[in-house]
């Protein structure tokens, strides 16, 4: 399971890099539109996640800017192990 989380984390990093490049210089055709809307939806979902789990992260001592950015980038992959422990 740990290996799968690492693979998904690397895929998310690659996606957010592609999303940032797409914002700076939009990709041609449907790729650019698809990456843009997928990124917007993922960002909204991760913001909702952050709102829901922020108090638990704060109680666990993980409420810094680094933790907030990590939740916005990786979502449940980041915050679930913290809350579990």
N, C-alpha and C. Protein backbone atom coordinates (compact mmCIF):
# COMPACT_ATOMS: atom_id res chain seq x y z
N UNK A 1 0.82 -1.19 0.00
CA UNK A 1 0.00 0.00 0.00
C UNK A 1 0.87 1.26 0.00
N UNK A 2 1.98 1.21 0.74
CA UNK A 2 2.87 2.35 0.80
C UNK A 2 3.43 2.67 -0.58
N UNK A 3 3.75 1.64 -1.37
CA UNK A 3 4.28 1.84 -2.70
C UNK A 3 3.22 2.49 -3.61
N UNK A 4 1.98 2.08 -3.47
CA UNK A 4 0.89 2.67 -4.25
C UNK A 4 0.70 4.14 -3.90
N UNK A 5 0.78 4.48 -2.62
CA UNK A 5 0.67 5.89 -2.21
C UNK A 5 1.80 6.72 -2.81
N UNK A 6 2.99 6.16 -2.88
CA UNK A 6 4.13 6.88 -3.46
C UNK A 6 3.92 7.11 -4.95
N UNK A 7 3.42 6.09 -5.64
CA UNK A 7 3.16 6.22 -7.08
C UNK A 7 2.09 7.28 -7.32
N UNK A 8 1.03 7.26 -6.54
CA UNK A 8 -0.04 8.24 -6.69
C UNK A 8 0.48 9.64 -6.36
N UNK A 9 1.33 9.76 -5.35
CA UNK A 9 1.90 11.06 -4.99
C UNK A 9 2.74 11.62 -6.14
N UNK A 10 3.56 10.79 -6.76
CA UNK A 10 4.36 11.24 -7.90
C UNK A 10 3.47 11.64 -9.07
N UNK A 11 2.40 10.88 -9.28
CA UNK A 11 1.46 11.22 -10.36
C UNK A 11 0.79 12.56 -10.08
N UNK A 12 0.45 12.83 -8.83
CA UNK A 12 -0.15 14.11 -8.47
C UNK A 12 0.84 15.26 -8.67
N UNK A 13 2.09 15.04 -8.32
CA UNK A 13 3.11 16.07 -8.54
C UNK A 13 3.20 16.38 -10.04
N UNK A 14 3.25 15.33 -10.85
CA UNK A 14 3.31 15.52 -12.30
C UNK A 14 2.07 16.25 -12.81
N UNK A 15 0.91 15.89 -12.28
CA UNK A 15 -0.31 16.57 -12.70
C UNK A 15 -0.29 18.05 -12.34
N UNK A 16 0.10 18.39 -11.10
CA UNK A 16 0.10 19.80 -10.70
C UNK A 16 1.12 20.61 -11.49
N UNK A 17 2.23 19.98 -11.89
CA UNK A 17 3.20 20.66 -12.75
C UNK A 17 2.57 20.92 -14.12
N UNK A 18 1.89 19.90 -14.67
CA UNK A 18 1.21 20.08 -15.96
C UNK A 18 0.13 21.15 -15.85
N UNK A 19 -0.59 21.17 -14.75
CA UNK A 19 -1.64 22.18 -14.53
C UNK A 19 -1.03 23.58 -14.51
N UNK A 20 0.09 23.74 -13.82
CA UNK A 20 0.74 25.05 -13.75
C UNK A 20 1.24 25.49 -15.13
N UNK A 21 1.87 24.58 -15.88
CA UNK A 21 2.30 24.91 -17.23
C UNK A 21 1.11 25.27 -18.12
N UNK A 22 0.00 24.53 -17.94
CA UNK A 22 -1.20 24.80 -18.72
C UNK A 22 -1.77 26.19 -18.41
N UNK A 23 -1.63 26.63 -17.19
CA UNK A 23 -2.10 27.97 -16.84
C UNK A 23 -1.23 29.04 -17.51
N UNK A 24 0.08 28.78 -17.56
CA UNK A 24 1.01 29.75 -18.14
C UNK A 24 0.94 29.77 -19.67
N UNK A 25 0.90 28.61 -20.26
CA UNK A 25 0.83 28.47 -21.72
C UNK A 25 -0.15 27.35 -22.03
N UNK A 26 -1.42 27.67 -22.28
CA UNK A 26 -2.44 26.63 -22.48
C UNK A 26 -2.06 25.63 -23.57
N UNK A 27 -2.31 24.35 -23.27
CA UNK A 27 -2.07 23.29 -24.23
C UNK A 27 -3.13 23.36 -25.32
N UNK A 28 -2.79 22.84 -26.48
CA UNK A 28 -3.72 22.86 -27.61
C UNK A 28 -4.85 21.85 -27.42
N UNK A 29 -5.98 22.17 -28.01
CA UNK A 29 -7.09 21.22 -28.08
C UNK A 29 -7.74 20.94 -26.73
N UNK A 30 -8.26 19.73 -26.65
CA UNK A 30 -8.99 19.32 -25.45
C UNK A 30 -8.09 19.03 -24.26
N UNK A 31 -6.82 18.78 -24.51
CA UNK A 31 -5.89 18.51 -23.40
C UNK A 31 -5.85 19.67 -22.43
N UNK A 32 -5.69 20.86 -22.95
CA UNK A 32 -5.60 22.03 -22.10
C UNK A 32 -6.86 22.26 -21.29
N UNK A 33 -8.00 22.13 -21.95
CA UNK A 33 -9.29 22.33 -21.27
C UNK A 33 -9.50 21.25 -20.22
N UNK A 34 -9.18 20.01 -20.57
CA UNK A 34 -9.36 18.90 -19.63
C UNK A 34 -8.47 19.03 -18.41
N UNK A 35 -7.21 19.36 -18.62
CA UNK A 35 -6.29 19.53 -17.50
C UNK A 35 -6.73 20.69 -16.62
N UNK A 36 -7.18 21.77 -17.26
CA UNK A 36 -7.63 22.93 -16.50
C UNK A 36 -8.82 22.57 -15.60
N UNK A 37 -9.85 21.98 -16.17
CA UNK A 37 -11.04 21.68 -15.37
C UNK A 37 -10.80 20.58 -14.34
N UNK A 38 -9.99 19.59 -14.67
CA UNK A 38 -9.65 18.57 -13.69
C UNK A 38 -8.89 19.20 -12.52
N UNK A 39 -7.99 20.11 -12.81
CA UNK A 39 -7.25 20.80 -11.75
C UNK A 39 -8.15 21.65 -10.88
N UNK A 40 -9.09 22.35 -11.50
CA UNK A 40 -10.03 23.18 -10.73
C UNK A 40 -10.88 22.31 -9.82
N UNK A 41 -11.40 21.22 -10.34
CA UNK A 41 -12.23 20.31 -9.53
C UNK A 41 -11.41 19.72 -8.40
N UNK A 42 -10.19 19.27 -8.70
CA UNK A 42 -9.35 18.69 -7.64
C UNK A 42 -9.02 19.72 -6.57
N UNK A 43 -8.76 20.94 -6.98
CA UNK A 43 -8.45 21.98 -6.01
C UNK A 43 -9.66 22.28 -5.12
N UNK A 44 -10.84 22.33 -5.69
CA UNK A 44 -12.05 22.56 -4.90
C UNK A 44 -12.27 21.41 -3.91
N UNK A 45 -12.10 20.18 -4.38
CA UNK A 45 -12.26 19.02 -3.49
C UNK A 45 -11.25 19.07 -2.36
N UNK A 46 -10.01 19.42 -2.65
CA UNK A 46 -8.98 19.48 -1.61
C UNK A 46 -9.21 20.65 -0.65
N UNK A 47 -9.78 21.74 -1.13
CA UNK A 47 -10.12 22.84 -0.22
C UNK A 47 -11.22 22.39 0.74
N UNK A 48 -12.21 21.67 0.23
CA UNK A 48 -13.28 21.14 1.10
C UNK A 48 -12.68 20.17 2.11
N UNK A 49 -11.77 19.31 1.66
CA UNK A 49 -11.08 18.40 2.58
C UNK A 49 -10.36 19.18 3.68
N UNK A 50 -9.66 20.22 3.29
CA UNK A 50 -8.91 21.03 4.25
C UNK A 50 -9.84 21.65 5.28
N UNK A 51 -10.97 22.17 4.83
CA UNK A 51 -11.94 22.77 5.76
C UNK A 51 -12.44 21.71 6.74
N UNK A 52 -12.69 20.50 6.25
CA UNK A 52 -13.22 19.45 7.11
C UNK A 52 -12.21 18.89 8.10
N UNK A 53 -10.93 18.84 7.74
CA UNK A 53 -9.95 18.18 8.60
C UNK A 53 -8.99 19.14 9.30
N UNK A 54 -9.12 20.44 9.05
CA UNK A 54 -8.16 21.40 9.61
C UNK A 54 -8.10 21.33 11.13
N UNK A 55 -9.24 21.23 11.78
CA UNK A 55 -9.23 21.19 13.25
C UNK A 55 -8.51 19.95 13.76
N UNK A 56 -8.65 18.84 13.07
CA UNK A 56 -7.94 17.61 13.47
C UNK A 56 -6.45 17.74 13.21
N UNK A 57 -6.08 18.38 12.11
CA UNK A 57 -4.66 18.62 11.84
C UNK A 57 -4.06 19.55 12.90
N UNK A 58 -4.82 20.56 13.26
CA UNK A 58 -4.35 21.50 14.28
C UNK A 58 -4.16 20.80 15.61
N UNK A 59 -5.09 19.93 15.97
CA UNK A 59 -4.97 19.17 17.22
C UNK A 59 -3.76 18.24 17.19
N UNK A 60 -3.39 17.77 16.00
CA UNK A 60 -2.24 16.87 15.87
C UNK A 60 -0.93 17.65 15.71
N UNK A 61 -1.01 18.99 15.71
CA UNK A 61 0.19 19.81 15.59
C UNK A 61 0.68 19.96 14.15
N UNK A 62 -0.22 19.80 13.19
CA UNK A 62 0.15 19.90 11.77
C UNK A 62 -0.71 20.94 11.07
N UNK A 63 -0.60 22.19 11.49
CA UNK A 63 -1.42 23.25 10.90
C UNK A 63 -0.58 24.36 10.29
N UNK A 64 0.66 24.04 9.92
CA UNK A 64 1.53 25.06 9.33
C UNK A 64 1.19 25.25 7.85
N UNK A 65 1.82 26.23 7.24
CA UNK A 65 1.60 26.49 5.81
C UNK A 65 2.01 25.29 4.96
N UNK A 66 3.08 24.63 5.37
CA UNK A 66 3.54 23.42 4.65
C UNK A 66 2.45 22.35 4.65
N UNK A 67 1.80 22.17 5.79
CA UNK A 67 0.75 21.16 5.90
C UNK A 67 -0.47 21.54 5.07
N UNK A 68 -0.80 22.81 5.05
CA UNK A 68 -1.95 23.28 4.27
C UNK A 68 -1.69 23.06 2.78
N UNK A 69 -0.50 23.41 2.32
CA UNK A 69 -0.15 23.22 0.91
C UNK A 69 -0.15 21.73 0.56
N UNK A 70 0.35 20.91 1.47
CA UNK A 70 0.38 19.46 1.22
C UNK A 70 -1.04 18.89 1.12
N UNK A 71 -1.95 19.36 1.96
CA UNK A 71 -3.34 18.90 1.86
C UNK A 71 -3.95 19.35 0.54
N UNK A 72 -3.66 20.58 0.13
CA UNK A 72 -4.20 21.07 -1.14
C UNK A 72 -3.62 20.30 -2.33
N UNK A 73 -2.39 19.84 -2.24
CA UNK A 73 -1.76 19.12 -3.34
C UNK A 73 -2.08 17.63 -3.34
N UNK A 74 -2.06 17.00 -2.15
CA UNK A 74 -2.18 15.55 -2.08
C UNK A 74 -3.46 15.04 -1.43
N UNK A 75 -4.21 15.91 -0.78
CA UNK A 75 -5.48 15.51 -0.20
C UNK A 75 -5.34 14.44 0.87
N UNK A 76 -6.17 13.43 0.74
CA UNK A 76 -6.26 12.37 1.75
C UNK A 76 -4.95 11.61 1.92
N UNK A 77 -4.14 11.55 0.88
CA UNK A 77 -2.85 10.85 0.99
C UNK A 77 -1.96 11.49 2.04
N UNK A 78 -2.14 12.79 2.25
CA UNK A 78 -1.31 13.49 3.23
C UNK A 78 -1.94 13.46 4.62
N UNK A 79 -3.22 13.81 4.73
CA UNK A 79 -3.78 14.01 6.06
C UNK A 79 -4.25 12.74 6.76
N UNK A 80 -4.62 11.71 6.04
CA UNK A 80 -5.13 10.51 6.71
C UNK A 80 -4.11 9.84 7.63
N UNK A 81 -2.84 9.66 7.20
CA UNK A 81 -1.87 9.05 8.12
C UNK A 81 -1.61 9.90 9.37
N UNK A 82 -1.71 11.22 9.24
CA UNK A 82 -1.50 12.11 10.40
C UNK A 82 -2.63 11.93 11.39
N UNK A 83 -3.84 11.92 10.93
CA UNK A 83 -4.99 11.82 11.82
C UNK A 83 -5.09 10.41 12.42
N UNK A 84 -4.67 9.42 11.63
CA UNK A 84 -4.71 8.03 12.10
C UNK A 84 -3.80 7.81 13.31
N UNK A 85 -2.66 8.52 13.33
CA UNK A 85 -1.67 8.30 14.40
C UNK A 85 -1.94 9.11 15.64
